[in-house]
Amino acid sequence: MEKRKPQYDITAVQAAVKLRGADAFTGTALIGVQSMGLDITQAIDVVCNMKRSDFFKSMTTHASSQVWQDVYHPKTPTGKLAYVKVTLREDGSIVIQFKEK
């Protein structure tokens, strides 16, 4: 399922990423960060500077129609657009994907 309105408040996502740092990213997201030529500090800054205008869509996971993930397309310090997928759960990673769009 998809929708065009974010499921999560972006400021809450950003606060959680600031608090958890690199631990907020999945292993897959960290590989994507590296493949874009960024370090983790830059990736955290990208997420923490995302704006509502960077929002693309919200969608449920393949495994559960109850778990939502918001997708953003922010600009990175290298000038490339990123595909950033986030979810806000207490028991898991926040940044699910971080790769070149």
PDB file of N, CA and C in Angstrom:
ATOM      1  N   MET A   1       0.841  -1.165   0.000  1.00  0.00           N
ATOM      2  CA  MET A   1       0.000   0.000   0.000  1.00  0.00           C
ATOM      3  C   MET A   1       0.898   1.244   0.000  1.00  0.00           C
ATOM      4  N   GLU A   2       0.462   2.286  -0.685  1.00  0.00           N
ATOM      5  CA  GLU A   2       1.217   3.533  -0.742  1.00  0.00           C
ATOM      6  C   GLU A   2       0.302   4.714  -0.478  1.00  0.00           C
ATOM      7  N   LYS A   3       0.900   5.794  -0.013  1.00  0.00           N
ATOM      8  CA  LYS A   3       0.177   7.051   0.138  1.00  0.00           C
ATOM      9  C   LYS A   3       1.157   8.202  -0.056  1.00  0.00           C
ATOM     10  N   ARG A   4       0.643   9.372  -0.274  1.00  0.00           N
ATOM     11  CA  ARG A   4       1.467  10.550  -0.562  1.00  0.00           C
ATOM     12  C   ARG A   4       1.620  11.483   0.630  1.00  0.00           C
ATOM     13  N   LYS A   5       1.309  10.984   1.818  1.00  0.00           N
ATOM     14  CA  LYS A   5       1.457  11.759   3.049  1.00  0.00           C
ATOM     15  C   LYS A   5       2.382  10.978   3.981  1.00  0.00           C
ATOM     16  N   PRO A   6       3.360  11.648   4.596  1.00  0.00           N
ATOM     17  CA  PRO A   6       4.275  10.918   5.483  1.00  0.00           C
ATOM     18  C   PRO A   6       3.541  10.271   6.658  1.00  0.00           C
ATOM     19  N   GLN A   7       3.973   9.098   7.013  1.00  0.00           N
ATOM     20  CA  GLN A   7       3.429   8.403   8.176  1.00  0.00           C
ATOM     21  C   GLN A   7       4.025   8.973   9.461  1.00  0.00           C
ATOM     22  N   TYR A   8       5.282   9.393   9.387  1.00  0.00           N
ATOM     23  CA  TYR A   8       6.017   9.824  10.575  1.00  0.00           C
ATOM     24  C   TYR A   8       6.356  11.307  10.511  1.00  0.00           C
ATOM     25  N   ASP A   9       6.343  11.948  11.663  1.00  0.00           N
ATOM     26  CA  ASP A   9       6.768  13.340  11.774  1.00  0.00           C
ATOM     27  C   ASP A   9       8.278  13.381  11.529  1.00  0.00           C
ATOM     28  N   ILE A  10       8.689  14.128  10.525  1.00  0.00           N
ATOM     29  CA  ILE A  10      10.108  14.153  10.149  1.00  0.00           C
ATOM     30  C   ILE A  10      10.989  14.658  11.295  1.00  0.00           C
ATOM     31  N   THR A  11      10.491  15.564  12.112  1.00  0.00           N
ATOM     32  CA  THR A  11      11.312  16.063  13.224  1.00  0.00           C
ATOM     33  C   THR A  11      11.540  14.968  14.271  1.00  0.00           C
ATOM     34  N   ALA A  12      10.572  14.075  14.459  1.00  0.00           N
ATOM     35  CA  ALA A  12      10.747  12.950  15.382  1.00  0.00           C
ATOM     36  C   ALA A  12      11.764  11.956  14.830  1.00  0.00           C
ATOM     37  N   VAL A  13      11.709  11.709  13.534  1.00  0.00           N
ATOM     38  CA  VAL A  13      12.687  10.831  12.880  1.00  0.00           C
ATOM     39  C   VAL A  13      14.085  11.423  13.039  1.00  0.00           C
ATOM     40  N   GLN A  14      14.220  12.708  12.768  1.00  0.00           N
ATOM     41  CA  GLN A  14      15.523  13.366  12.845  1.00  0.00           C
ATOM     42  C   GLN A  14      16.069  13.367  14.268  1.00  0.00           C
ATOM     43  N   ALA A  15      15.217  13.594  15.255  1.00  0.00           N
ATOM     44  CA  ALA A  15      15.657  13.571  16.653  1.00  0.00           C
ATOM     45  C   ALA A  15      16.164  12.182  17.036  1.00  0.00           C
ATOM     46  N   ALA A  16      15.468  11.145  16.585  1.00  0.00           N
ATOM     47  CA  ALA A  16      15.885   9.773  16.890  1.00  0.00           C
ATOM     48  C   ALA A  16      17.208   9.435  16.210  1.00  0.00           C
ATOM     49  N   VAL A  17      17.402   9.897  14.978  1.00  0.00           N
ATOM     50  CA  VAL A  17      18.664   9.647  14.263  1.00  0.00           C
ATOM     51  C   VAL A  17      19.808  10.389  14.953  1.00  0.00           C
ATOM     52  N   LYS A  18      19.585  11.620  15.375  1.00  0.00           N
ATOM     53  CA  LYS A  18      20.619  12.376  16.107  1.00  0.00           C
ATOM     54  C   LYS A  18      21.019  11.639  17.372  1.00  0.00           C
ATOM     55  N   LEU A  19      20.033  11.111  18.076  1.00  0.00           N
ATOM     56  CA  LEU A  19      20.274  10.414  19.336  1.00  0.00           C
ATOM     57  C   LEU A  19      21.039   9.107  19.132  1.00  0.00           C
ATOM     58  N   ARG A  20      20.676   8.341  18.125  1.00  0.00           N
ATOM     59  CA  ARG A  20      21.266   7.013  17.917  1.00  0.00           C
ATOM     60  C   ARG A  20      22.483   7.008  17.009  1.00  0.00           C
ATOM     61  N   GLY A  21      22.667   8.044  16.210  1.00  0.00           N
ATOM     62  CA  GLY A  21      23.831   8.118  15.328  1.00  0.00           C
ATOM     63  C   GLY A  21      23.874   6.971  14.337  1.00  0.00           C
ATOM     64  N   ALA A  22      25.050   6.378  14.173  1.00  0.00           N
ATOM     65  CA  ALA A  22      25.240   5.298  13.200  1.00  0.00           C
ATOM     66  C   ALA A  22      24.348   4.093  13.488  1.00  0.00           C
ATOM     67  N   ASP A  23      23.981   3.896  14.753  1.00  0.00           N
ATOM     68  CA  ASP A  23      23.115   2.770  15.116  1.00  0.00           C
ATOM     69  C   ASP A  23      21.704   2.904  14.550  1.00  0.00           C
ATOM     70  N   ALA A  24      21.362   4.079  14.046  1.00  0.00           N
ATOM     71  CA  ALA A  24      20.040   4.289  13.451  1.00  0.00           C
ATOM     72  C   ALA A  24      19.959   3.727  12.035  1.00  0.00           C
ATOM     73  N   PHE A  25      21.100   3.345  11.455  1.00  0.00           N
ATOM     74  CA  PHE A  25      21.173   2.885  10.067  1.00  0.00           C
ATOM     75  C   PHE A  25      21.292   1.365  10.002  1.00  0.00           C
ATOM     76  N   THR A  26      20.582   0.749   9.058  1.00  0.00           N
ATOM     77  CA  THR A  26      20.765  -0.687   8.811  1.00  0.00           C
ATOM     78  C   THR A  26      22.118  -0.904   8.132  1.00  0.00           C
ATOM     79  N   GLY A  27      22.572  -2.138   8.117  1.00  0.00           N
ATOM     80  CA  GLY A  27      23.803  -2.467   7.402  1.00  0.00           C
ATOM     81  C   GLY A  27      23.698  -2.132   5.926  1.00  0.00           C
ATOM     82  N   THR A  28      22.543  -2.400   5.348  1.00  0.00           N
ATOM     83  CA  THR A  28      22.311  -2.082   3.935  1.00  0.00           C
ATOM     84  C   THR A  28      22.414  -0.585   3.692  1.00  0.00           C
ATOM     85  N   ALA A  29      21.836   0.208   4.595  1.00  0.00           N
ATOM     86  CA  ALA A  29      21.906   1.666   4.456  1.00  0.00           C
ATOM     87  C   ALA A  29      23.353   2.148   4.562  1.00  0.00           C
ATOM     88  N   LEU A  30      24.119   1.571   5.471  1.00  0.00           N
ATOM     89  CA  LEU A  30      25.528   1.965   5.629  1.00  0.00           C
ATOM     90  C   LEU A  30      26.342   1.646   4.377  1.00  0.00           C
ATOM     91  N   ILE A  31      26.054   0.527   3.742  1.00  0.00           N
ATOM     92  CA  ILE A  31      26.729   0.187   2.481  1.00  0.00           C
ATOM     93  C   ILE A  31      26.373   1.223   1.418  1.00  0.00           C
ATOM     94  N   GLY A  32      25.107   1.620   1.377  1.00  0.00           N
ATOM     95  CA  GLY A  32      24.672   2.642   0.429  1.00  0.00           C
ATOM     96  C   GLY A  32      25.336   3.982   0.672  1.00  0.00           C
ATOM     97  N   VAL A  33      25.478   4.351   1.938  1.00  0.00           N
ATOM     98  CA  VAL A  33      26.169   5.597   2.304  1.00  0.00           C
ATOM     99  C   VAL A  33      27.578   5.578   1.734  1.00  0.00           C
ATOM    100  N   GLN A  34      28.287   4.482   1.977  1.00  0.00           N
ATOM    101  CA  GLN A  34      29.667   4.344   1.504  1.00  0.00           C
ATOM    102  C   GLN A  34      29.737   4.369  -0.020  1.00  0.00           C
ATOM    103  N   SER A  35      28.805   3.711  -0.684  1.00  0.00           N
ATOM    104  CA  SER A  35      28.842   3.662  -2.153  1.00  0.00           C
ATOM    105  C   SER A  35      28.554   5.030  -2.775  1.00  0.00           C
ATOM    106  N   MET A  36      27.927   5.921  -2.008  1.00  0.00           N
ATOM    107  CA  MET A  36      27.689   7.285  -2.489  1.00  0.00           C
ATOM    108  C   MET A  36      28.865   8.209  -2.194  1.00  0.00           C
ATOM    109  N   GLY A  37      29.916   7.673  -1.569  1.00  0.00           N
ATOM    110  CA  GLY A  37      31.094   8.479  -1.265  1.00  0.00           C
ATOM    111  C   GLY A  37      30.925   9.358  -0.040  1.00  0.00           C
ATOM    112  N   LEU A  38      30.015   8.966   0.846  1.00  0.00           N
ATOM    113  CA  LEU A  38      29.766   9.740   2.059  1.00  0.00           C
ATOM    114  C   LEU A  38      30.270   8.990   3.279  1.00  0.00           C
ATOM    115  N   ASP A  39      30.527   9.730   4.358  1.00  0.00           N
ATOM    116  CA  ASP A  39      30.815   9.070   5.628  1.00  0.00           C
ATOM    117  C   ASP A  39      29.548   9.143   6.485  1.00  0.00           C
ATOM    118  N   ILE A  40      29.566   8.490   7.622  1.00  0.00           N
ATOM    119  CA  ILE A  40      28.355   8.394   8.436  1.00  0.00           C
ATOM    120  C   ILE A  40      27.912   9.758   8.956  1.00  0.00           C
ATOM    121  N   THR A  41      28.865  10.628   9.276  1.00  0.00           N
ATOM    122  CA  THR A  41      28.507  11.973   9.744  1.00  0.00           C
ATOM    123  C   THR A  41      27.747  12.734   8.667  1.00  0.00           C
ATOM    124  N   GLN A  42      28.198  12.626   7.429  1.00  0.00           N
ATOM    125  CA  GLN A  42      27.502  13.286   6.319  1.00  0.00           C
ATOM    126  C   GLN A  42      26.110  12.690   6.115  1.00  0.00           C
ATOM    127  N   ALA A  43      26.002  11.379   6.237  1.00  0.00           N
ATOM    128  CA  ALA A  43      24.698  10.723   6.065  1.00  0.00           C
ATOM    129  C   ALA A  43      23.723  11.155   7.159  1.00  0.00           C
ATOM    130  N   ILE A  44      24.201  11.241   8.377  1.00  0.00           N
ATOM    131  CA  ILE A  44      23.356  11.711   9.478  1.00  0.00           C
ATOM    132  C   ILE A  44      22.903  13.139   9.202  1.00  0.00           C
ATOM    133  N   ASP A  45      23.819  13.977   8.733  1.00  0.00           N
ATOM    134  CA  ASP A  45      23.462  15.363   8.391  1.00  0.00           C
ATOM    135  C   ASP A  45      22.407  15.412   7.289  1.00  0.00           C
ATOM    136  N   VAL A  46      22.541  14.546   6.288  1.00  0.00           N
ATOM    137  CA  VAL A  46      21.552  14.508   5.201  1.00  0.00           C
ATOM    138  C   VAL A  46      20.168  14.200   5.778  1.00  0.00           C
ATOM    139  N   VAL A  47      20.084  13.173   6.618  1.00  0.00           N
ATOM    140  CA  VAL A  47      18.796  12.797   7.209  1.00  0.00           C
ATOM    141  C   VAL A  47      18.267  13.918   8.108  1.00  0.00           C
ATOM    142  N   CYS A  48      19.148  14.500   8.902  1.00  0.00           N
ATOM    143  CA  CYS A  48      18.717  15.533   9.849  1.00  0.00           C
ATOM    144  C   CYS A  48      18.373  16.858   9.176  1.00  0.00           C
ATOM    145  N   ASN A  49      18.713  17.005   7.916  1.00  0.00           N
ATOM    146  CA  ASN A  49      18.369  18.216   7.167  1.00  0.00           C
ATOM    147  C   ASN A  49      17.277  17.978   6.123  1.00  0.00           C
ATOM    148  N   MET A  50      16.694  16.771   6.106  1.00  0.00           N
ATOM    149  CA  MET A  50      15.614  16.505   5.150  1.00  0.00           C
ATOM    150  C   MET A  50      14.435  17.425   5.448  1.00  0.00           C
ATOM    151  N   LYS A  51      13.787  17.855   4.383  1.00  0.00           N
ATOM    152  CA  LYS A  51      12.628  18.740   4.500  1.00  0.00           C
ATOM    153  C   LYS A  51      11.382  18.011   3.997  1.00  0.00           C
ATOM    154  N   ARG A  52      10.252  18.552   4.368  1.00  0.00           N
ATOM    155  CA  ARG A  52       8.982  17.985   3.895  1.00  0.00           C
ATOM    156  C   ARG A  52       8.944  17.972   2.368  1.00  0.00           C
ATOM    157  N   SER A  53       9.562  18.961   1.739  1.00  0.00           N
ATOM    158  CA  SER A  53       9.572  19.028   0.269  1.00  0.00           C
ATOM    159  C   SER A  53      10.408  17.908  -0.355  1.00  0.00           C
ATOM    160  N   ASP A  54      11.256  17.243   0.440  1.00  0.00           N
ATOM    161  CA  ASP A  54      12.038  16.099  -0.044  1.00  0.00           C
ATOM    162  C   ASP A  54      11.222  14.803  -0.031  1.00  0.00           C
ATOM    163  N   PHE A  55      10.053  14.837   0.612  1.00  0.00           N
ATOM    164  CA  PHE A  55       9.224  13.637   0.739  1.00  0.00           C
ATOM    165  C   PHE A  55       8.744  13.166  -0.629  1.00  0.00           C
ATOM    166  N   PHE A  56       8.783  11.828  -0.830  1.00  0.00           N
ATOM    167  CA  PHE A  56       8.322  11.231  -2.077  1.00  0.00           C
ATOM    168  C   PHE A  56       7.037  10.425  -1.872  1.00  0.00           C
ATOM    169  N   LYS A  57       7.094   9.426  -0.968  1.00  0.00           N
ATOM    170  CA  LYS A  57       5.910   8.604  -0.715  1.00  0.00           C
ATOM    171  C   LYS A  57       6.071   7.845   0.591  1.00  0.00           C
ATOM    172  N   SER A  58       4.971   7.298   1.057  1.00  0.00           N
ATOM    173  CA  SER A  58       4.960   6.421   2.212  1.00  0.00           C
ATOM    174  C   SER A  58       4.403   5.085   1.742  1.00  0.00           C
ATOM    175  N   MET A  59       4.987   4.001   2.236  1.00  0.00           N
ATOM    176  CA  MET A  59       4.537   2.679   1.793  1.00  0.00           C
ATOM    177  C   MET A  59       4.682   1.671   2.922  1.00  0.00           C
ATOM    178  N   THR A  60       3.912   0.609   2.832  1.00  0.00           N
ATOM    179  CA  THR A  60       4.031  -0.456   3.818  1.00  0.00           C
ATOM    180  C   THR A  60       5.122  -1.429   3.378  1.00  0.00           C
ATOM    181  N   THR A  61       5.602  -2.201   4.340  1.00  0.00           N
ATOM    182  CA  THR A  61       6.616  -3.201   4.018  1.00  0.00           C
ATOM    183  C   THR A  61       5.961  -4.378   3.306  1.00  0.00           C
ATOM    184  N   HIS A  62       6.788  -5.182   2.656  1.00  0.00           N
ATOM    185  CA  HIS A  62       6.273  -6.388   1.995  1.00  0.00           C
ATOM    186  C   HIS A  62       5.774  -7.396   3.029  1.00  0.00           C
ATOM    187  N   ALA A  63       6.424  -7.410   4.191  1.00  0.00           N
ATOM    188  CA  ALA A  63       6.089  -8.394   5.216  1.00  0.00           C
ATOM    189  C   ALA A  63       4.836  -8.042   6.016  1.00  0.00           C
ATOM    190  N   SER A  64       4.538  -6.744   6.146  1.00  0.00           N
ATOM    191  CA  SER A  64       3.402  -6.344   6.978  1.00  0.00           C
ATOM    192  C   SER A  64       2.752  -5.067   6.455  1.00  0.00           C
ATOM    193  N   SER A  65       1.465  -5.109   6.329  1.00  0.00           N
ATOM    194  CA  SER A  65       0.737  -3.914   5.900  1.00  0.00           C
ATOM    195  C   SER A  65       0.528  -2.947   7.065  1.00  0.00           C
ATOM    196  N   GLN A  66       1.041  -3.301   8.228  1.00  0.00           N
ATOM    197  CA  GLN A  66       0.928  -2.450   9.412  1.00  0.00           C
ATOM    198  C   GLN A  66       2.173  -1.589   9.635  1.00  0.00           C
ATOM    199  N   VAL A  67       3.279  -1.936   8.990  1.00  0.00           N
ATOM    200  CA  VAL A  67       4.544  -1.215   9.186  1.00  0.00           C
ATOM    201  C   VAL A  67       4.772  -0.286   8.002  1.00  0.00           C
ATOM    202  N   TRP A  68       4.837   1.011   8.285  1.00  0.00           N
ATOM    203  CA  TRP A  68       5.005   2.018   7.238  1.00  0.00           C
ATOM    204  C   TRP A  68       6.448   2.478   7.136  1.00  0.00           C
ATOM    205  N   GLN A  69       6.847   2.849   5.930  1.00  0.00           N
ATOM    206  CA  GLN A  69       8.173   3.410   5.661  1.00  0.00           C
ATOM    207  C   GLN A  69       7.985   4.643   4.783  1.00  0.00           C
ATOM    208  N   ASP A  70       8.619   5.744   5.177  1.00  0.00           N
ATOM    209  CA  ASP A  70       8.559   6.980   4.402  1.00  0.00           C
ATOM    210  C   ASP A  70       9.801   7.096   3.536  1.00  0.00           C
ATOM    211  N   VAL A  71       9.626   7.535   2.300  1.00  0.00           N
ATOM    212  CA  VAL A  71      10.734   7.680   1.352  1.00  0.00           C
ATOM    213  C   VAL A  71      10.944   9.160   1.047  1.00  0.00           C
ATOM    214  N   TYR A  72      12.205   9.571   1.147  1.00  0.00           N
ATOM    215  CA  TYR A  72      12.602  10.952   0.848  1.00  0.00           C
ATOM    216  C   TYR A  72      13.679  10.939  -0.225  1.00  0.00           C
ATOM    217  N   HIS A  73      13.781  12.032  -0.960  1.00  0.00           N
ATOM    218  CA  HIS A  73      14.824  12.219  -1.972  1.00  0.00           C
ATOM    219  C   HIS A  73      15.595  13.508  -1.665  1.00  0.00           C
ATOM    220  N   PRO A  74      16.434  13.503  -0.625  1.00  0.00           N
ATOM    221  CA  PRO A  74      17.204  14.703  -0.289  1.00  0.00           C
ATOM    222  C   PRO A  74      18.483  14.812  -1.121  1.00  0.00           C
ATOM    223  N   LYS A  75      19.010  16.011  -1.188  1.00  0.00           N
ATOM    224  CA  LYS A  75      20.284  16.247  -1.867  1.00  0.00           C
ATOM    225  C   LYS A  75      21.417  15.952  -0.882  1.00  0.00           C
ATOM    226  N   THR A  76      22.502  15.380  -1.389  1.00  0.00           N
ATOM    227  CA  THR A  76      23.666  15.061  -0.557  1.00  0.00           C
ATOM    228  C   THR A  76      24.770  16.095  -0.787  1.00  0.00           C
ATOM    229  N   PRO A  77      25.808  16.095   0.060  1.00  0.00           N
ATOM    230  CA  PRO A  77      26.915  17.038  -0.132  1.00  0.00           C
ATOM    231  C   PRO A  77      27.640  16.873  -1.474  1.00  0.00           C
ATOM    232  N   THR A  78      27.512  15.707  -2.093  1.00  0.00           N
ATOM    233  CA  THR A  78      28.154  15.485  -3.397  1.00  0.00           C
ATOM    234  C   THR A  78      27.294  16.019  -4.541  1.00  0.00           C
ATOM    235  N   GLY A  79      26.094  16.514  -4.200  1.00  0.00           N
ATOM    236  CA  GLY A  79      25.191  17.048  -5.215  1.00  0.00           C
ATOM    237  C   GLY A  79      24.230  16.017  -5.782  1.00  0.00           C
ATOM    238  N   LYS A  80      24.425  14.756  -5.420  1.00  0.00           N
ATOM    239  CA  LYS A  80      23.533  13.693  -5.893  1.00  0.00           C
ATOM    240  C   LYS A  80      22.279  13.629  -5.024  1.00  0.00           C
ATOM    241  N   LEU A  81      21.195  13.149  -5.622  1.00  0.00           N
ATOM    242  CA  LEU A  81      19.990  12.891  -4.840  1.00  0.00           C
ATOM    243  C   LEU A  81      20.087  11.499  -4.230  1.00  0.00           C
ATOM    244  N   ALA A  82      19.625  11.389  -3.000  1.00  0.00           N
ATOM    245  CA  ALA A  82      19.612  10.098  -2.319  1.00  0.00           C
ATOM    246  C   ALA A  82      18.179   9.576  -2.233  1.00  0.00           C
ATOM    247  N   TYR A  83      18.063   8.267  -2.144  1.00  0.00           N
ATOM    248  CA  TYR A  83      16.800   7.586  -1.858  1.00  0.00           C
ATOM    249  C   TYR A  83      16.933   7.148  -0.407  1.00  0.00           C
ATOM    250  N   VAL A  84      16.186   7.789   0.483  1.00  0.00           N
ATOM    251  CA  VAL A  84      16.287   7.497   1.912  1.00  0.00           C
ATOM    252  C   VAL A  84      14.935   6.992   2.401  1.00  0.00           C
ATOM    253  N   LYS A  85      14.944   5.763   2.928  1.00  0.00           N
ATOM    254  CA  LYS A  85      13.715   5.153   3.440  1.00  0.00           C
ATOM    255  C   LYS A  85      13.839   5.050   4.958  1.00  0.00           C
ATOM    256  N   VAL A  86      12.855   5.617   5.670  1.00  0.00           N
ATOM    257  CA  VAL A  86      12.902   5.632   7.129  1.00  0.00           C
ATOM    258  C   VAL A  86      11.623   5.058   7.718  1.00  0.00           C
ATOM    259  N   THR A  87      11.757   4.545   8.927  1.00  0.00           N
ATOM    260  CA  THR A  87      10.618   4.097   9.714  1.00  0.00           C
ATOM    261  C   THR A  87      10.923   4.456  11.154  1.00  0.00           C
ATOM    262  N   LEU A  88       9.916   4.594  11.964  1.00  0.00           N
ATOM    263  CA  LEU A  88      10.140   4.998  13.349  1.00  0.00           C
ATOM    264  C   LEU A  88       9.553   3.946  14.277  1.00  0.00           C
ATOM    265  N   ARG A  89      10.437   3.047  14.701  1.00  0.00           N
ATOM    266  CA  ARG A  89      10.056   2.000  15.640  1.00  0.00           C
ATOM    267  C   ARG A  89      11.070   1.995  16.767  1.00  0.00           C
ATOM    268  N   GLU A  90      10.623   1.723  17.967  1.00  0.00           N
ATOM    269  CA  GLU A  90      11.528   1.724  19.114  1.00  0.00           C
ATOM    270  C   GLU A  90      12.513   0.564  19.068  1.00  0.00           C
ATOM    271  N   ASP A  91      12.140  -0.523  18.431  1.00  0.00           N
ATOM    272  CA  ASP A  91      12.943  -1.739  18.499  1.00  0.00           C
ATOM    273  C   ASP A  91      13.720  -2.049  17.223  1.00  0.00           C
ATOM    274  N   GLY A  92      13.943  -1.059  16.387  1.00  0.00           N
ATOM    275  CA  GLY A  92      14.646  -1.356  15.144  1.00  0.00           C
ATOM    276  C   GLY A  92      15.369  -0.155  14.583  1.00  0.00           C
ATOM    277  N   SER A  93      16.031  -0.383  13.483  1.00  0.00           N
ATOM    278  CA  SER A  93      16.741   0.691  12.799  1.00  0.00           C
ATOM    279  C   SER A  93      15.743   1.691  12.231  1.00  0.00           C
ATOM    280  N   ILE A  94      16.185   2.921  12.106  1.00  0.00           N
ATOM    281  CA  ILE A  94      15.332   3.997  11.598  1.00  0.00           C
ATOM    282  C   ILE A  94      15.554   4.190  10.108  1.00  0.00           C
ATOM    283  N   VAL A  95      16.821   4.259   9.703  1.00  0.00           N
ATOM    284  CA  VAL A  95      17.148   4.463   8.290  1.00  0.00           C
ATOM    285  C   VAL A  95      17.318   3.085   7.654  1.00  0.00           C
ATOM    286  N   ILE A  96      16.330   2.682   6.869  1.00  0.00           N
ATOM    287  CA  ILE A  96      16.292   1.349   6.270  1.00  0.00           C
ATOM    288  C   ILE A  96      17.123   1.299   4.993  1.00  0.00           C
ATOM    289  N   GLN A  97      17.022   2.338   4.177  1.00  0.00           N
ATOM    290  CA  GLN A  97      17.756   2.429   2.903  1.00  0.00           C
ATOM    291  C   GLN A  97      18.379   3.811   2.779  1.00  0.00           C
ATOM    292  N   PHE A  98      19.555   3.865   2.216  1.00  0.00           N
ATOM    293  CA  PHE A  98      20.220   5.125   1.886  1.00  0.00           C
ATOM    294  C   PHE A  98      21.067   4.802   0.669  1.00  0.00           C
ATOM    295  N   LYS A  99      20.599   5.230  -0.487  1.00  0.00           N
ATOM    296  CA  LYS A  99      21.312   4.910  -1.722  1.00  0.00           C
ATOM    297  C   LYS A  99      21.080   6.018  -2.734  1.00  0.00           C
ATOM    298  N   GLU A 100      21.823   5.957  -3.832  1.00  0.00           N
ATOM    299  CA  GLU A 100      21.641   6.960  -4.873  1.00  0.00           C
ATOM    300  C   GLU A 100      20.301   6.753  -5.556  1.00  0.00           C
ATOM    301  N   LYS A 101      19.598   7.853  -5.775  1.00  0.00           N
ATOM    302  CA  LYS A 101      18.301   7.787  -6.460  1.00  0.00           C
ATOM    303  C   LYS A 101      18.521   7.539  -7.938  1.00  0.00           C
TER     304      LYS A 101
END
